[in-house]
Amino acid sequence: MSKGLLIVISGPSGVGKGTVRRYFENDERLKLAYSTSMTTRSPRNGEVDGREYFFTTKDKFEEAIKNGELLEYAQFVGNYYGTPAAEVERLRNEGKNVLLEIEVQGATQVQQKIEDAVTIFIIPPSMEELERRIRGRQTEAEEIIQQRLSKAEQEMKLMGQYKYIVCNEDPKLAADLIKTIILRHMELEENA
């Protein structure tokens, strides 16, 4: 059994990473395992600990950083987000393709550690559409919305660091493109 791929999906907050992922995450051909990230932010309505994120305290998160337990981590609008390294390795060693849906800062850390990671950056059709999506959530104060939009502009400048760029104008089409990318990389691994 060959080691699974590490697939990194990034993009600005509100671009629809989760929406796109839901269109392909259950395709059994992809052998996906979704790596759950840790965060110190509070759960949003309907989020479940251990499903969307492992919700933890700042102290416990900083201890994980100190102990080198995270593949990547970032701090955003006052909260930490990160990926537990041991879980990723365990899943890849089982032959599963591990999917990380992470911030640009974290993706840069992963690219430095794991050169063969399949990196995909999802972009919005326009910055106006991105703002509409973020506001449409109705979950954050204006100050946070402005921080997210400002960060999105900075993140868009880094899309060239990724192997693939996919526009999320139509989530199903974006998902189909990502599925094709993953299947092609699986084929390349099998033939290597």
Protein backbone atom coordinates (compact mmCIF):
# COMPACT_ATOMS: atom_id res chain seq x y z
CA MET A 1 0.00 0.00 0.00
CA SER A 2 1.45 3.37 -1.01
CA LYS A 3 1.42 6.42 1.23
CA GLY A 4 -1.50 8.75 0.68
CA LEU A 5 -1.30 12.23 -0.79
CA LEU A 6 -1.38 15.40 1.25
CA ILE A 7 -3.85 17.78 -0.39
CA VAL A 8 -3.92 21.40 0.77
CA ILE A 9 -6.86 23.61 -0.07
CA SER A 10 -6.59 27.30 0.77
CA GLY A 11 -8.21 30.53 -0.18
CA PRO A 12 -9.56 33.66 1.41
CA SER A 13 -12.11 33.44 4.19
CA GLY A 14 -15.59 33.30 2.64
CA VAL A 15 -14.43 31.94 -0.74
CA GLY A 16 -16.47 28.76 -0.16
CA LYS A 17 -13.81 26.17 0.60
CA GLY A 18 -16.20 24.12 2.74
CA THR A 19 -19.02 24.37 0.20
CA VAL A 20 -16.77 23.17 -2.63
CA ARG A 21 -15.34 20.37 -0.46
CA ARG A 22 -18.82 19.02 0.31
CA TYR A 23 -19.33 18.32 -3.42
CA PHE A 24 -16.39 15.90 -3.60
CA GLU A 25 -15.49 14.75 -0.08
CA ASN A 26 -17.63 11.59 -0.22
CA ASP A 27 -16.35 10.36 -3.60
CA GLU A 28 -14.85 7.01 -2.57
CA ARG A 29 -12.44 6.96 -5.55
CA LEU A 30 -10.54 9.84 -3.91
CA LYS A 31 -9.80 7.85 -0.70
CA LEU A 32 -10.05 11.08 1.28
CA ALA A 33 -9.57 11.58 4.96
CA TYR A 34 -10.44 15.07 6.13
CA SER A 35 -7.97 16.28 8.70
CA THR A 36 -9.72 18.20 11.43
CA SER A 37 -7.90 21.34 12.52
CA MET A 38 -7.59 22.73 16.03
CA THR A 39 -8.74 26.25 16.86
CA THR A 40 -9.12 28.54 19.82
CA ARG A 41 -12.13 30.34 18.33
CA SER A 42 -15.63 29.67 19.60
CA PRO A 43 -17.85 27.28 17.63
CA ARG A 44 -20.31 28.88 15.20
CA ASN A 45 -23.96 27.81 15.22
CA GLY A 46 -24.21 24.14 14.27
CA GLU A 47 -20.47 23.40 14.49
CA VAL A 48 -19.53 20.29 16.45
CA ASP A 49 -16.26 19.76 18.35
CA GLY A 50 -14.21 17.13 16.51
CA ARG A 51 -16.14 17.54 13.25
CA GLU A 52 -15.53 21.09 11.96
CA TYR A 53 -12.66 21.74 14.40
CA PHE A 54 -11.15 20.55 17.64
CA PHE A 55 -12.06 23.53 19.81
CA THR A 56 -9.43 24.15 22.47
CA THR A 57 -8.00 26.78 24.81
CA LYS A 58 -5.18 29.18 23.96
CA ASP A 59 -2.97 27.56 26.65
CA LYS A 60 -3.42 24.04 25.24
CA PHE A 61 -2.82 25.28 21.70
CA GLU A 62 0.40 27.07 22.68
CA GLU A 63 1.56 23.91 24.44
CA ALA A 64 1.01 21.94 21.20
CA ILE A 65 3.11 24.55 19.33
CA LYS A 66 5.88 24.32 21.93
CA ASN A 67 5.90 20.51 21.72
CA GLY A 68 6.11 20.52 17.89
CA GLU A 69 2.80 18.69 17.58
CA LEU A 70 1.44 20.82 14.72
CA LEU A 71 2.17 20.44 11.00
CA GLU A 72 1.17 24.07 10.60
CA TYR A 73 -0.55 26.81 12.53
CA ALA A 74 -1.60 30.41 12.14
CA GLN A 75 -3.13 33.15 14.20
CA PHE A 76 -6.04 35.02 12.65
CA VAL A 77 -8.33 37.69 14.14
CA GLY A 78 -7.19 36.80 17.64
CA ASN A 79 -7.53 33.02 17.36
CA TYR A 80 -5.14 30.17 16.60
CA TYR A 81 -5.79 27.56 13.91
CA GLY A 82 -3.57 24.51 13.33
CA THR A 83 -3.19 20.94 12.08
CA PRO A 84 -2.13 18.10 14.40
CA ALA A 85 0.85 16.41 12.62
CA ALA A 86 0.49 12.91 14.12
CA GLU A 87 -3.05 12.50 12.79
CA VAL A 88 -2.01 13.53 9.27
CA GLU A 89 0.87 11.02 9.21
CA ARG A 90 -1.28 8.21 10.60
CA LEU A 91 -3.91 8.71 7.89
CA ARG A 92 -1.35 9.00 5.06
CA ASN A 93 0.39 5.82 6.26
CA GLU A 94 -2.97 4.04 6.01
CA GLY A 95 -3.01 4.98 2.30
CA LYS A 96 -5.59 7.72 2.69
CA ASN A 97 -5.31 11.03 0.89
CA VAL A 98 -5.37 13.65 3.63
CA LEU A 99 -7.23 16.84 2.88
CA LEU A 100 -6.23 20.00 4.73
CA GLU A 101 -8.46 23.04 4.39
CA ILE A 102 -6.20 25.72 5.84
CA GLU A 103 -5.20 29.37 5.80
CA VAL A 104 -2.49 30.64 3.44
CA GLN A 105 0.01 31.13 6.28
CA GLY A 106 -0.40 27.50 7.31
CA ALA A 107 -0.20 26.28 3.72
CA THR A 108 3.18 27.99 3.35
CA GLN A 109 4.44 26.08 6.41
CA VAL A 110 3.18 22.78 4.95
CA GLN A 111 4.86 23.48 1.59
CA GLN A 112 8.17 24.01 3.40
CA LYS A 113 7.86 20.67 5.24
CA ILE A 114 6.19 18.44 2.63
CA GLU A 115 7.41 19.22 -0.88
CA ASP A 116 5.07 16.81 -2.69
CA ALA A 117 1.90 18.29 -1.18
CA VAL A 118 -0.82 18.92 -3.77
CA THR A 119 -1.66 22.59 -3.20
CA ILE A 120 -4.87 24.17 -4.49
CA PHE A 121 -5.85 27.82 -4.04
CA ILE A 122 -9.54 28.66 -4.43
CA ILE A 123 -10.29 32.18 -5.63
CA PRO A 124 -13.60 34.07 -5.72
CA PRO A 125 -15.01 35.32 -9.05
CA SER A 126 -14.42 38.86 -7.69
CA MET A 127 -13.63 40.67 -4.43
CA GLU A 128 -17.19 42.08 -4.48
CA GLU A 129 -18.60 38.56 -4.53
CA LEU A 130 -16.28 37.55 -1.71
CA GLU A 131 -17.55 40.45 0.42
CA ARG A 132 -21.16 39.49 -0.36
CA ARG A 133 -20.51 35.92 0.79
CA ILE A 134 -18.80 36.98 4.02
CA ARG A 135 -21.61 39.42 4.86
CA GLY A 136 -24.19 36.78 3.93
CA ARG A 137 -23.02 34.56 6.80
CA GLN A 138 -24.24 37.17 9.27
CA THR A 139 -21.95 35.73 11.94
CA GLU A 140 -19.40 38.49 12.50
CA ALA A 141 -19.13 42.13 13.51
CA GLU A 142 -18.20 44.77 10.91
CA GLU A 143 -14.67 45.06 12.32
CA ILE A 144 -14.05 41.32 11.76
CA ILE A 145 -15.55 41.50 8.26
CA GLN A 146 -13.15 44.32 7.38
CA GLN A 147 -10.21 42.32 8.78
CA ARG A 148 -11.22 39.29 6.70
CA LEU A 149 -11.51 41.39 3.52
CA SER A 150 -8.15 43.06 4.12
CA LYS A 151 -6.50 39.69 4.73
CA ALA A 152 -8.18 38.27 1.60
CA GLU A 153 -6.53 40.96 -0.55
CA GLN A 154 -3.11 40.01 0.88
CA GLU A 155 -3.76 36.27 0.45
CA MET A 156 -4.78 36.68 -3.21
CA LYS A 157 -1.27 38.00 -3.91
CA LEU A 158 0.17 34.62 -2.81
CA MET A 159 -1.88 32.35 -5.09
CA GLY A 160 1.16 31.87 -7.35
CA GLN A 161 2.78 29.74 -4.63
CA TYR A 162 0.19 27.00 -5.25
CA LYS A 163 0.33 24.23 -7.86
CA TYR A 164 -3.30 24.86 -8.87
CA ILE A 165 -5.72 27.80 -8.82
CA VAL A 166 -9.45 27.08 -9.02
CA CYS A 167 -12.15 29.77 -9.31
CA ASN A 168 -15.27 29.16 -7.22
CA GLU A 169 -17.89 30.83 -9.36
CA ASP A 170 -19.83 27.57 -9.46
CA PRO A 171 -19.07 25.29 -6.45
CA LYS A 172 -19.92 22.07 -8.31
CA LEU A 173 -17.62 22.95 -11.22
CA ALA A 174 -14.83 23.94 -8.79
CA ALA A 175 -15.31 20.59 -7.00
CA ASP A 176 -15.14 18.67 -10.29
CA LEU A 177 -11.85 20.41 -11.16
CA ILE A 178 -10.38 19.55 -7.76
CA LYS A 179 -11.56 15.95 -8.11
CA THR A 180 -9.77 15.72 -11.46
CA ILE A 181 -6.57 17.12 -9.92
CA ILE A 182 -6.64 14.57 -7.09
CA LEU A 183 -7.39 11.62 -9.38
CA ARG A 184 -4.54 12.62 -11.69
CA HIS A 185 -2.07 12.82 -8.79
CA MET A 186 -3.23 9.41 -7.54
CA GLU A 187 -2.59 7.99 -11.02
CA LEU A 188 0.89 9.56 -11.08
CA GLU A 189 1.71 8.06 -7.66
CA GLU A 190 0.59 4.60 -8.76
CA ASN A 191 2.77 4.79 -11.88
CA ALA A 192 5.83 6.20 -10.06
